[in-house]
Amino acid sequence: GSADRLTGMYFEPEADAHHFVFACTVEPG
């Protein structure tokens, strides 16, 4: 796939981790 845009950034204190989510496109079909 390819990343099109960032949809969210999250911080999970319990895991002491940042998470990023990207809207992605994959090959049709």
PDB file of all heavy atoms in Angstrom:
ATOM      1  N   GLY A   1       0.808  -1.212   0.000  1.00  0.00           N
ATOM      2  CA  GLY A   1       0.000   0.000   0.000  1.00  0.00           C
ATOM      3  C   GLY A   1       0.840   1.260   0.000  1.00  0.00           C
ATOM      4  O   GLY A   1       2.071   1.201   0.039  1.00  0.00           O
ATOM      5  N   SER A   2       0.149   2.364  -0.044  1.00  0.00           N
ATOM      6  CA  SER A   2       0.791   3.669   0.097  1.00  0.00           C
ATOM      7  C   SER A   2      -0.024   4.466   1.100  1.00  0.00           C
ATOM      8  O   SER A   2      -1.248   4.316   1.186  1.00  0.00           O
ATOM      9  CB  SER A   2       0.872   4.391  -1.249  1.00  0.00           C
ATOM     10  OG  SER A   2      -0.423   4.593  -1.768  1.00  0.00           O
ATOM     11  N   ALA A   3       0.661   5.292   1.865  1.00  0.00           N
ATOM     12  CA  ALA A   3      -0.009   6.117   2.873  1.00  0.00           C
ATOM     13  C   ALA A   3      -0.474   7.409   2.223  1.00  0.00           C
ATOM     14  O   ALA A   3       0.283   8.058   1.504  1.00  0.00           O
ATOM     15  CB  ALA A   3       0.933   6.396   4.028  1.00  0.00           C
ATOM     16  N   ASP A   4      -1.731   7.767   2.479  1.00  0.00           N
ATOM     17  CA  ASP A   4      -2.311   8.973   1.910  1.00  0.00           C
ATOM     18  C   ASP A   4      -2.330  10.139   2.887  1.00  0.00           C
ATOM     19  O   ASP A   4      -2.087  11.276   2.510  1.00  0.00           O
ATOM     20  CB  ASP A   4      -3.735   8.700   1.434  1.00  0.00           C
ATOM     21  CG  ASP A   4      -3.791   7.600   0.389  1.00  0.00           C
ATOM     22  OD1 ASP A   4      -2.865   7.519  -0.444  1.00  0.00           O
ATOM     23  OD2 ASP A   4      -4.756   6.813   0.415  1.00  0.00           O
ATOM     24  N   ARG A   5      -2.648   9.833   4.144  1.00  0.00           N
ATOM     25  CA  ARG A   5      -2.728  10.901   5.148  1.00  0.00           C
ATOM     26  C   ARG A   5      -2.745  10.306   6.543  1.00  0.00           C
ATOM     27  O   ARG A   5      -3.099   9.139   6.728  1.00  0.00           O
ATOM     28  CB  ARG A   5      -3.962  11.770   4.930  1.00  0.00           C
ATOM     29  CG  ARG A   5      -5.262  11.036   5.120  1.00  0.00           C
ATOM     30  CD  ARG A   5      -6.481  11.906   4.762  1.00  0.00           C
ATOM     31  NE  ARG A   5      -7.682  11.094   4.722  1.00  0.00           N
ATOM     32  CZ  ARG A   5      -8.414  10.759   5.783  1.00  0.00           C
ATOM     33  NH1 ARG A   5      -8.077  11.194   6.987  1.00  0.00           N
ATOM     34  NH2 ARG A   5      -9.483  10.015   5.664  1.00  0.00           N
ATOM     35  N   LEU A   6      -2.367  11.128   7.502  1.00  0.00           N
ATOM     36  CA  LEU A   6      -2.430  10.763   8.912  1.00  0.00           C
ATOM     37  C   LEU A   6      -3.867  10.973   9.383  1.00  0.00           C
ATOM     38  O   LEU A   6      -4.449  12.039   9.137  1.00  0.00           O
ATOM     39  CB  LEU A   6      -1.471  11.645   9.712  1.00  0.00           C
ATOM     40  CG  LEU A   6      -1.354  11.413  11.202  1.00  0.00           C
ATOM     41  CD1 LEU A   6      -0.755  10.042  11.496  1.00  0.00           C
ATOM     42  CD2 LEU A   6      -0.482  12.510  11.824  1.00  0.00           C
ATOM     43  N   THR A   7      -4.463   9.966  10.023  1.00  0.00           N
ATOM     44  CA  THR A   7      -5.835  10.105  10.514  1.00  0.00           C
ATOM     45  C   THR A   7      -5.896  10.297  12.028  1.00  0.00           C
ATOM     46  O   THR A   7      -6.925  10.685  12.551  1.00  0.00           O
ATOM     47  CB  THR A   7      -6.707   8.892  10.139  1.00  0.00           C
ATOM     48  OG1 THR A   7      -6.207   7.736  10.806  1.00  0.00           O
ATOM     49  CG2 THR A   7      -6.726   8.685   8.638  1.00  0.00           C
ATOM     50  N   GLY A   8      -4.805   9.997  12.731  1.00  0.00           N
ATOM     51  CA  GLY A   8      -4.816  10.174  14.172  1.00  0.00           C
ATOM     52  C   GLY A   8      -3.481   9.869  14.812  1.00  0.00           C
ATOM     53  O   GLY A   8      -2.695   9.080  14.290  1.00  0.00           O
ATOM     54  N   MET A   9      -3.241  10.571  15.918  1.00  0.00           N
ATOM     55  CA  MET A   9      -2.065  10.327  16.777  1.00  0.00           C
ATOM     56  C   MET A   9      -2.612  10.069  18.173  1.00  0.00           C
ATOM     57  O   MET A   9      -3.479  10.802  18.649  1.00  0.00           O
ATOM     58  CB  MET A   9      -1.168  11.563  16.858  1.00  0.00           C
ATOM     59  CG  MET A   9      -0.462  11.939  15.600  1.00  0.00           C
ATOM     60  SD  MET A   9       0.652  13.345  15.897  1.00  0.00           S
ATOM     61  CE  MET A   9      -0.523  14.655  16.291  1.00  0.00           C
ATOM     62  N   TYR A  10      -2.066   9.058  18.828  1.00  0.00           N
ATOM     63  CA  TYR A  10      -2.578   8.655  20.131  1.00  0.00           C
ATOM     64  C   TYR A  10      -1.420   8.396  21.075  1.00  0.00           C
ATOM     65  O   TYR A  10      -0.366   7.923  20.668  1.00  0.00           O
ATOM     66  CB  TYR A  10      -3.427   7.377  19.993  1.00  0.00           C
ATOM     67  CG  TYR A  10      -4.518   7.528  18.972  1.00  0.00           C
ATOM     68  CD1 TYR A  10      -4.285   7.237  17.627  1.00  0.00           C
ATOM     69  CD2 TYR A  10      -5.766   8.001  19.336  1.00  0.00           C
ATOM     70  CE1 TYR A  10      -5.272   7.401  16.676  1.00  0.00           C
ATOM     71  CE2 TYR A  10      -6.767   8.170  18.389  1.00  0.00           C
ATOM     72  CZ  TYR A  10      -6.511   7.872  17.061  1.00  0.00           C
ATOM     73  OH  TYR A  10      -7.493   8.043  16.122  1.00  0.00           O
ATOM     74  N   PHE A  11      -1.644   8.683  22.355  1.00  0.00           N
ATOM     75  CA  PHE A  11      -0.670   8.325  23.382  1.00  0.00           C
ATOM     76  C   PHE A  11      -1.372   7.406  24.360  1.00  0.00           C
ATOM     77  O   PHE A  11      -2.422   7.744  24.909  1.00  0.00           O
ATOM     78  CB  PHE A  11      -0.119   9.545  24.113  1.00  0.00           C
ATOM     79  CG  PHE A  11       0.837   9.165  25.200  1.00  0.00           C
ATOM     80  CD1 PHE A  11       2.049   8.566  24.906  1.00  0.00           C
ATOM     81  CD2 PHE A  11       0.517   9.380  26.532  1.00  0.00           C
ATOM     82  CE1 PHE A  11       2.932   8.184  25.904  1.00  0.00           C
ATOM     83  CE2 PHE A  11       1.389   9.012  27.541  1.00  0.00           C
ATOM     84  CZ  PHE A  11       2.597   8.414  27.227  1.00  0.00           C
ATOM     85  N   GLU A  12      -0.793   6.237  24.545  1.00  0.00           N
ATOM     86  CA  GLU A  12      -1.342   5.247  25.459  1.00  0.00           C
ATOM     87  C   GLU A  12      -0.434   5.195  26.692  1.00  0.00           C
ATOM     88  O   GLU A  12       0.609   4.530  26.675  1.00  0.00           O
ATOM     89  CB  GLU A  12      -1.404   3.889  24.756  1.00  0.00           C
ATOM     90  CG  GLU A  12      -2.165   2.847  25.504  1.00  0.00           C
ATOM     91  CD  GLU A  12      -2.304   1.556  24.713  1.00  0.00           C
ATOM     92  OE1 GLU A  12      -1.631   1.362  23.689  1.00  0.00           O
ATOM     93  OE2 GLU A  12      -3.097   0.716  25.161  1.00  0.00           O
ATOM     94  N   PRO A  13      -0.800   5.926  27.783  1.00  0.00           N
ATOM     95  CA  PRO A  13       0.058   5.973  28.970  1.00  0.00           C
ATOM     96  C   PRO A  13       0.351   4.598  29.552  1.00  0.00           C
ATOM     97  O   PRO A  13       1.453   4.344  30.026  1.00  0.00           O
ATOM     98  CB  PRO A  13      -0.734   6.824  29.971  1.00  0.00           C
ATOM     99  CG  PRO A  13      -1.699   7.603  29.149  1.00  0.00           C
ATOM    100  CD  PRO A  13      -2.005   6.748  27.953  1.00  0.00           C
ATOM    101  N   GLU A  14      -0.639   3.700  29.515  1.00  0.00           N
ATOM    102  CA  GLU A  14      -0.477   2.368  30.085  1.00  0.00           C
ATOM    103  C   GLU A  14       0.689   1.622  29.431  1.00  0.00           C
ATOM    104  O   GLU A  14       1.405   0.870  30.072  1.00  0.00           O
ATOM    105  CB  GLU A  14      -1.777   1.583  29.905  1.00  0.00           C
ATOM    106  CG  GLU A  14      -1.799   0.269  30.620  1.00  0.00           C
ATOM    107  CD  GLU A  14      -3.168  -0.375  30.509  1.00  0.00           C
ATOM    108  OE1 GLU A  14      -4.010  -0.107  31.382  1.00  0.00           O
ATOM    109  OE2 GLU A  14      -3.385  -1.132  29.551  1.00  0.00           O
ATOM    110  N   ALA A  15       0.909   1.855  28.143  1.00  0.00           N
ATOM    111  CA  ALA A  15       1.997   1.195  27.409  1.00  0.00           C
ATOM    112  C   ALA A  15       3.167   2.137  27.169  1.00  0.00           C
ATOM    113  O   ALA A  15       4.186   1.720  26.618  1.00  0.00           O
ATOM    114  CB  ALA A  15       1.483   0.682  26.069  1.00  0.00           C
ATOM    115  N   ASP A  16       3.031   3.406  27.596  1.00  0.00           N
ATOM    116  CA  ASP A  16       4.039   4.437  27.351  1.00  0.00           C
ATOM    117  C   ASP A  16       4.428   4.459  25.866  1.00  0.00           C
ATOM    118  O   ASP A  16       5.596   4.392  25.505  1.00  0.00           O
ATOM    119  CB  ASP A  16       5.282   4.218  28.224  1.00  0.00           C
ATOM    120  CG  ASP A  16       6.222   5.426  28.186  1.00  0.00           C
ATOM    121  OD1 ASP A  16       5.744   6.545  27.898  1.00  0.00           O
ATOM    122  OD2 ASP A  16       7.437   5.238  28.420  1.00  0.00           O
ATOM    123  N   ALA A  17       3.392   4.512  25.007  1.00  0.00           N
ATOM    124  CA  ALA A  17       3.641   4.435  23.569  1.00  0.00           C
ATOM    125  C   ALA A  17       2.763   5.412  22.799  1.00  0.00           C
ATOM    126  O   ALA A  17       1.609   5.642  23.159  1.00  0.00           O
ATOM    127  CB  ALA A  17       3.382   3.017  23.072  1.00  0.00           C
ATOM    128  N   HIS A  18       3.341   5.963  21.749  1.00  0.00           N
ATOM    129  CA  HIS A  18       2.589   6.760  20.788  1.00  0.00           C
ATOM    130  C   HIS A  18       2.180   5.854  19.632  1.00  0.00           C
ATOM    131  O   HIS A  18       2.946   4.987  19.217  1.00  0.00           O
ATOM    132  CB  HIS A  18       3.435   7.922  20.258  1.00  0.00           C
ATOM    133  CG  HIS A  18       3.524   9.046  21.215  1.00  0.00           C
ATOM    134  ND1 HIS A  18       4.490   9.104  22.201  1.00  0.00           N
ATOM    135  CD2 HIS A  18       2.770  10.159  21.347  1.00  0.00           C
ATOM    136  CE1 HIS A  18       4.325  10.213  22.904  1.00  0.00           C
ATOM    137  NE2 HIS A  18       3.289  10.865  22.413  1.00  0.00           N
ATOM    138  N   HIS A  19       0.972   6.070  19.110  1.00  0.00           N
ATOM    139  CA  HIS A  19       0.442   5.306  17.985  1.00  0.00           C
ATOM    140  C   HIS A  19       0.018   6.282  16.894  1.00  0.00           C
ATOM    141  O   HIS A  19      -0.605   7.302  17.185  1.00  0.00           O
ATOM    142  CB  HIS A  19      -0.790   4.487  18.404  1.00  0.00           C
ATOM    143  CG  HIS A  19      -0.524   3.481  19.458  1.00  0.00           C
ATOM    144  ND1 HIS A  19      -0.146   2.190  19.171  1.00  0.00           N
ATOM    145  CD2 HIS A  19      -0.577   3.572  20.802  1.00  0.00           C
ATOM    146  CE1 HIS A  19       0.017   1.534  20.304  1.00  0.00           C
ATOM    147  NE2 HIS A  19      -0.234   2.342  21.309  1.00  0.00           N
ATOM    148  N   PHE A  20       0.330   5.954  15.671  1.00  0.00           N
ATOM    149  CA  PHE A  20      -0.056   6.754  14.516  1.00  0.00           C
ATOM    150  C   PHE A  20      -0.909   5.886  13.604  1.00  0.00           C
ATOM    151  O   PHE A  20      -0.623   4.704  13.424  1.00  0.00           O
ATOM    152  CB  PHE A  20       1.189   7.226  13.754  1.00  0.00           C
ATOM    153  CG  PHE A  20       2.079   8.113  14.562  1.00  0.00           C
ATOM    154  CD1 PHE A  20       3.018   7.572  15.436  1.00  0.00           C
ATOM    155  CD2 PHE A  20       1.976   9.494  14.462  1.00  0.00           C
ATOM    156  CE1 PHE A  20       3.845   8.383  16.189  1.00  0.00           C
ATOM    157  CE2 PHE A  20       2.797  10.310  15.220  1.00  0.00           C
ATOM    158  CZ  PHE A  20       3.737   9.764  16.086  1.00  0.00           C
ATOM    159  N   VAL A  21      -1.946   6.463  13.027  1.00  0.00           N
ATOM    160  CA  VAL A  21      -2.797   5.742  12.082  1.00  0.00           C
ATOM    161  C   VAL A  21      -2.799   6.520  10.771  1.00  0.00           C
ATOM    162  O   VAL A  21      -2.996   7.738  10.765  1.00  0.00           O
ATOM    163  CB  VAL A  21      -4.235   5.566  12.609  1.00  0.00           C
ATOM    164  CG1 VAL A  21      -5.093   4.817  11.602  1.00  0.00           C
ATOM    165  CG2 VAL A  21      -4.230   4.842  13.950  1.00  0.00           C
ATOM    166  N   PHE A  22      -2.592   5.788   9.673  1.00  0.00           N
ATOM    167  CA  PHE A  22      -2.544   6.396   8.347  1.00  0.00           C
ATOM    168  C   PHE A  22      -3.609   5.777   7.460  1.00  0.00           C
ATOM    169  O   PHE A  22      -3.738   4.554   7.403  1.00  0.00           O
ATOM    170  CB  PHE A  22      -1.170   6.163   7.704  1.00  0.00           C
ATOM    171  CG  PHE A  22      -0.056   6.795   8.476  1.00  0.00           C
ATOM    172  CD1 PHE A  22       0.636   6.057   9.434  1.00  0.00           C
ATOM    173  CD2 PHE A  22       0.286   8.114   8.282  1.00  0.00           C
ATOM    174  CE1 PHE A  22       1.659   6.635  10.174  1.00  0.00           C
ATOM    175  CE2 PHE A  22       1.302   8.708   9.012  1.00  0.00           C
ATOM    176  CZ  PHE A  22       1.993   7.970   9.962  1.00  0.00           C
ATOM    177  N   ALA A  23      -4.357   6.636   6.759  1.00  0.00           N
ATOM    178  CA  ALA A  23      -5.251   6.144   5.715  1.00  0.00           C
ATOM    179  C   ALA A  23      -4.363   5.684   4.577  1.00  0.00           C
ATOM    180  O   ALA A  23      -3.485   6.419   4.128  1.00  0.00           O
ATOM    181  CB  ALA A  23      -6.189   7.254   5.254  1.00  0.00           C
ATOM    182  N   CYS A  24      -4.559   4.462   4.144  1.00  0.00           N
ATOM    183  CA  CYS A  24      -3.710   3.866   3.110  1.00  0.00           C
ATOM    184  C   CYS A  24      -4.550   3.362   1.948  1.00  0.00           C
ATOM    185  O   CYS A  24      -5.707   3.002   2.111  1.00  0.00           O
ATOM    186  CB  CYS A  24      -2.901   2.706   3.692  1.00  0.00           C
ATOM    187  SG  CYS A  24      -1.730   3.209   4.969  1.00  0.00           S
ATOM    188  N   THR A  25      -3.928   3.343   0.791  1.00  0.00           N
ATOM    189  CA  THR A  25      -4.537   2.816  -0.414  1.00  0.00           C
ATOM    190  C   THR A  25      -3.778   1.565  -0.827  1.00  0.00           C
ATOM    191  O   THR A  25      -2.552   1.537  -0.742  1.00  0.00           O
ATOM    192  CB  THR A  25      -4.445   3.856  -1.551  1.00  0.00           C
ATOM    193  OG1 THR A  25      -5.041   5.074  -1.103  1.00  0.00           O
ATOM    194  CG2 THR A  25      -5.162   3.373  -2.795  1.00  0.00           C
ATOM    195  N   VAL A  26      -4.496   0.548  -1.253  1.00  0.00           N
ATOM    196  CA  VAL A  26      -3.884  -0.674  -1.774  1.00  0.00           C
ATOM    197  C   VAL A  26      -4.308  -0.833  -3.237  1.00  0.00           C
ATOM    198  O   VAL A  26      -5.233  -0.164  -3.705  1.00  0.00           O
ATOM    199  CB  VAL A  26      -4.264  -1.914  -0.942  1.00  0.00           C
ATOM    200  CG1 VAL A  26      -3.761  -1.774   0.485  1.00  0.00           C
ATOM    201  CG2 VAL A  26      -5.755  -2.161  -0.949  1.00  0.00           C
ATOM    202  N   GLU A  27      -3.629  -1.752  -3.934  1.00  0.00           N
ATOM    203  CA  GLU A  27      -3.954  -1.991  -5.341  1.00  0.00           C
ATOM    204  C   GLU A  27      -5.405  -2.413  -5.488  1.00  0.00           C
ATOM    205  O   GLU A  27      -5.872  -3.294  -4.759  1.00  0.00           O
ATOM    206  CB  GLU A  27      -3.063  -3.088  -5.908  1.00  0.00           C
ATOM    207  CG  GLU A  27      -1.634  -2.693  -6.110  1.00  0.00           C
ATOM    208  CD  GLU A  27      -0.832  -3.818  -6.755  1.00  0.00           C
ATOM    209  OE1 GLU A  27      -1.405  -4.593  -7.557  1.00  0.00           O
ATOM    210  OE2 GLU A  27       0.353  -3.904  -6.434  1.00  0.00           O
ATOM    211  N   PRO A  28      -6.126  -1.834  -6.455  1.00  0.00           N
ATOM    212  CA  PRO A  28      -7.512  -2.252  -6.679  1.00  0.00           C
ATOM    213  C   PRO A  28      -7.574  -3.749  -7.008  1.00  0.00           C
ATOM    214  O   PRO A  28      -6.757  -4.258  -7.769  1.00  0.00           O
ATOM    215  CB  PRO A  28      -7.952  -1.416  -7.881  1.00  0.00           C
ATOM    216  CG  PRO A  28      -7.007  -0.250  -7.912  1.00  0.00           C
ATOM    217  CD  PRO A  28      -5.715  -0.756  -7.348  1.00  0.00           C
ATOM    218  N   GLY A  29      -8.523  -4.420  -6.384  1.00  0.00           N
ATOM    219  CA  GLY A  29      -8.707  -5.846  -6.638  1.00  0.00           C
ATOM    220  C   GLY A  29      -7.815  -6.763  -5.833  1.00  0.00           C
ATOM    221  O   GLY A  29      -8.034  -7.972  -5.816  1.00  0.00           O
TER     222      GLY A  29
END
